[in-house]
Amino acid sequence: MEDAITRKEHEEFAKRIDEENHRQNRRIETLEETVRQISDLTATVKELAVNMKNMLTEQEKQGARLAKIESKDGEMWRTVVTHILTAVIGGIIAFVFAKIGM
């Protein structure tokens, strides 16, 4: 029975196996925590992407409304200028007709 080991050798072997199991369990726990954090981060990034998409949509809507408001003021200004020019030209024509006796 040369292959037999002593009780002390067996206990030392069992102790080392238990220590290795404990070390590996700690590593697995660390990896599980890391995976959980990555999962949380992924969910947060997805939520952020959705929020940014919603913000972009809202900005586009606001941009369209702003362009409409700005163009409305421009249209009103062009209308006022047109009326003023029409009145000035009409006045000049009336003055010319008055001078030539018509």
C-alpha atoms as a PDB file:
ATOM      1  CA  MET A   1       0.000   0.000   0.000  1.00  0.00           C
ATOM      2  CA  GLU A   2       2.433   2.554  -1.138  1.00  0.00           C
ATOM      3  CA  ASP A   3      -0.327   4.635  -2.723  1.00  0.00           C
ATOM      4  CA  ALA A   4      -2.164   5.258   0.513  1.00  0.00           C
ATOM      5  CA  ILE A   5      -1.930   8.710   2.100  1.00  0.00           C
ATOM      6  CA  THR A   6      -1.940   9.584   5.756  1.00  0.00           C
ATOM      7  CA  ARG A   7      -4.806  11.236   7.526  1.00  0.00           C
ATOM      8  CA  LYS A   8      -2.740  14.388   7.921  1.00  0.00           C
ATOM      9  CA  GLU A   9      -2.027  14.533   4.174  1.00  0.00           C
ATOM     10  CA  HIS A  10      -5.714  14.022   3.442  1.00  0.00           C
ATOM     11  CA  GLU A  11      -6.708  16.817   5.837  1.00  0.00           C
ATOM     12  CA  GLU A  12      -4.126  19.157   4.274  1.00  0.00           C
ATOM     13  CA  PHE A  13      -5.437  18.292   0.789  1.00  0.00           C
ATOM     14  CA  ALA A  14      -9.052  18.844   1.894  1.00  0.00           C
ATOM     15  CA  LYS A  15      -8.076  22.156   3.500  1.00  0.00           C
ATOM     16  CA  ARG A  16      -6.426  23.363   0.266  1.00  0.00           C
ATOM     17  CA  ILE A  17      -9.449  22.274  -1.786  1.00  0.00           C
ATOM     18  CA  ASP A  18     -11.741  24.187   0.597  1.00  0.00           C
ATOM     19  CA  GLU A  19      -9.526  27.299   0.341  1.00  0.00           C
ATOM     20  CA  GLU A  20      -9.536  27.043  -3.461  1.00  0.00           C
ATOM     21  CA  ASN A  21     -13.320  26.649  -3.483  1.00  0.00           C
ATOM     22  CA  HIS A  22     -13.660  29.662  -1.199  1.00  0.00           C
ATOM     23  CA  ARG A  23     -11.328  31.720  -3.432  1.00  0.00           C
ATOM     24  CA  GLN A  24     -13.244  30.707  -6.564  1.00  0.00           C
ATOM     25  CA  ASN A  25     -16.583  31.467  -4.887  1.00  0.00           C
ATOM     26  CA  ARG A  26     -15.337  34.986  -4.100  1.00  0.00           C
ATOM     27  CA  ARG A  27     -14.245  35.431  -7.723  1.00  0.00           C
ATOM     28  CA  ILE A  28     -17.634  34.215  -8.957  1.00  0.00           C
ATOM     29  CA  GLU A  29     -19.418  36.635  -6.598  1.00  0.00           C
ATOM     30  CA  THR A  30     -17.247  39.472  -7.910  1.00  0.00           C
ATOM     31  CA  LEU A  31     -18.023  38.502 -11.503  1.00  0.00           C
ATOM     32  CA  GLU A  32     -21.741  38.274 -10.747  1.00  0.00           C
ATOM     33  CA  GLU A  33     -21.657  41.760  -9.233  1.00  0.00           C
ATOM     34  CA  THR A  34     -19.794  43.076 -12.273  1.00  0.00           C
ATOM     35  CA  VAL A  35     -22.353  41.500 -14.616  1.00  0.00           C
ATOM     36  CA  ARG A  36     -25.171  43.064 -12.572  1.00  0.00           C
ATOM     37  CA  GLN A  37     -23.511  46.485 -12.775  1.00  0.00           C
ATOM     38  CA  ILE A  38     -23.022  46.126 -16.527  1.00  0.00           C
ATOM     39  CA  SER A  39     -26.667  45.136 -16.875  1.00  0.00           C
ATOM     40  CA  ASP A  40     -27.734  48.187 -14.849  1.00  0.00           C
ATOM     41  CA  LEU A  41     -25.493  50.406 -16.967  1.00  0.00           C
ATOM     42  CA  THR A  42     -26.950  48.952 -20.165  1.00  0.00           C
ATOM     43  CA  ALA A  43     -30.486  49.652 -18.964  1.00  0.00           C
ATOM     44  CA  THR A  44     -29.494  53.196 -18.023  1.00  0.00           C
ATOM     45  CA  VAL A  45     -27.897  53.797 -21.427  1.00  0.00           C
ATOM     46  CA  LYS A  46     -31.042  52.518 -23.168  1.00  0.00           C
ATOM     47  CA  GLU A  47     -33.186  54.844 -21.068  1.00  0.00           C
ATOM     48  CA  LEU A  48     -30.852  57.744 -21.848  1.00  0.00           C
ATOM     49  CA  ALA A  49     -31.080  56.981 -25.565  1.00  0.00           C
ATOM     50  CA  VAL A  50     -34.879  57.017 -25.394  1.00  0.00           C
ATOM     51  CA  ASN A  51     -34.840  60.311 -23.509  1.00  0.00           C
ATOM     52  CA  MET A  52     -32.442  61.848 -26.033  1.00  0.00           C
ATOM     53  CA  LYS A  53     -34.641  60.690 -28.913  1.00  0.00           C
ATOM     54  CA  ASN A  54     -37.674  62.278 -27.226  1.00  0.00           C
ATOM     55  CA  MET A  55     -35.709  65.485 -26.666  1.00  0.00           C
ATOM     56  CA  LEU A  56     -34.684  65.552 -30.339  1.00  0.00           C
ATOM     57  CA  THR A  57     -38.298  65.114 -31.415  1.00  0.00           C
ATOM     58  CA  GLU A  58     -39.377  67.933 -29.098  1.00  0.00           C
ATOM     59  CA  GLN A  59     -36.576  70.197 -30.356  1.00  0.00           C
ATOM     60  CA  GLU A  60     -37.633  69.562 -33.941  1.00  0.00           C
ATOM     61  CA  LYS A  61     -41.224  70.476 -33.053  1.00  0.00           C
ATOM     62  CA  GLN A  62     -40.059  73.646 -31.293  1.00  0.00           C
ATOM     63  CA  GLY A  63     -37.828  74.507 -34.258  1.00  0.00           C
ATOM     64  CA  ALA A  64     -40.791  74.200 -36.620  1.00  0.00           C
ATOM     65  CA  ARG A  65     -42.941  76.386 -34.348  1.00  0.00           C
ATOM     66  CA  LEU A  66     -40.149  78.966 -34.065  1.00  0.00           C
ATOM     67  CA  ALA A  67     -39.673  79.053 -37.829  1.00  0.00           C
ATOM     68  CA  LYS A  68     -43.417  79.588 -38.259  1.00  0.00           C
ATOM     69  CA  ILE A  69     -43.424  82.428 -35.724  1.00  0.00           C
ATOM     70  CA  GLU A  70     -40.364  84.038 -37.321  1.00  0.00           C
ATOM     71  CA  SER A  71     -41.818  83.783 -40.806  1.00  0.00           C
ATOM     72  CA  LYS A  72     -45.108  85.280 -39.579  1.00  0.00           C
ATOM     73  CA  ASP A  73     -43.300  88.391 -38.339  1.00  0.00           C
ATOM     74  CA  GLY A  74     -41.422  88.559 -41.635  1.00  0.00           C
ATOM     75  CA  GLU A  75     -44.633  88.291 -43.630  1.00  0.00           C
ATOM     76  CA  MET A  76     -46.223  91.054 -41.568  1.00  0.00           C
ATOM     77  CA  TRP A  77     -43.179  93.283 -42.082  1.00  0.00           C
ATOM     78  CA  ARG A  78     -43.231  92.649 -45.846  1.00  0.00           C
ATOM     79  CA  THR A  79     -46.944  93.516 -45.932  1.00  0.00           C
ATOM     80  CA  VAL A  80     -46.338  96.787 -44.058  1.00  0.00           C
ATOM     81  CA  VAL A  81     -43.441  97.715 -46.369  1.00  0.00           C
ATOM     82  CA  THR A  82     -45.570  96.883 -49.430  1.00  0.00           C
ATOM     83  CA  HIS A  83     -48.400  99.133 -48.204  1.00  0.00           C
ATOM     84  CA  ILE A  84     -46.001 101.971 -47.441  1.00  0.00           C
ATOM     85  CA  LEU A  85     -44.349 101.698 -50.862  1.00  0.00           C
ATOM     86  CA  THR A  86     -47.759 101.558 -52.547  1.00  0.00           C
ATOM     87  CA  ALA A  87     -48.845 104.689 -50.675  1.00  0.00           C
ATOM     88  CA  VAL A  88     -45.591 106.545 -51.523  1.00  0.00           C
ATOM     89  CA  ILE A  89     -45.760 105.555 -55.197  1.00  0.00           C
ATOM     90  CA  GLY A  90     -49.452 106.475 -55.300  1.00  0.00           C
ATOM     91  CA  GLY A  91     -48.639 109.853 -53.768  1.00  0.00           C
ATOM     92  CA  ILE A  92     -45.863 110.479 -56.307  1.00  0.00           C
ATOM     93  CA  ILE A  93     -48.162 109.526 -59.198  1.00  0.00           C
ATOM     94  CA  ALA A  94     -50.924 111.770 -57.815  1.00  0.00           C
ATOM     95  CA  PHE A  95     -48.421 114.636 -57.458  1.00  0.00           C
ATOM     96  CA  VAL A  96     -47.187 114.147 -61.042  1.00  0.00           C
ATOM     97  CA  PHE A  97     -50.767 114.049 -62.386  1.00  0.00           C
ATOM     98  CA  ALA A  98     -51.607 117.153 -60.376  1.00  0.00           C
ATOM     99  CA  LYS A  99     -48.598 118.995 -61.823  1.00  0.00           C
ATOM    100  CA  ILE A 100     -49.464 118.098 -65.417  1.00  0.00           C
ATOM    101  CA  GLY A 101     -53.061 119.088 -64.863  1.00  0.00           C
ATOM    102  CA  MET A 102     -54.918 115.868 -64.896  1.00  0.00           C
END
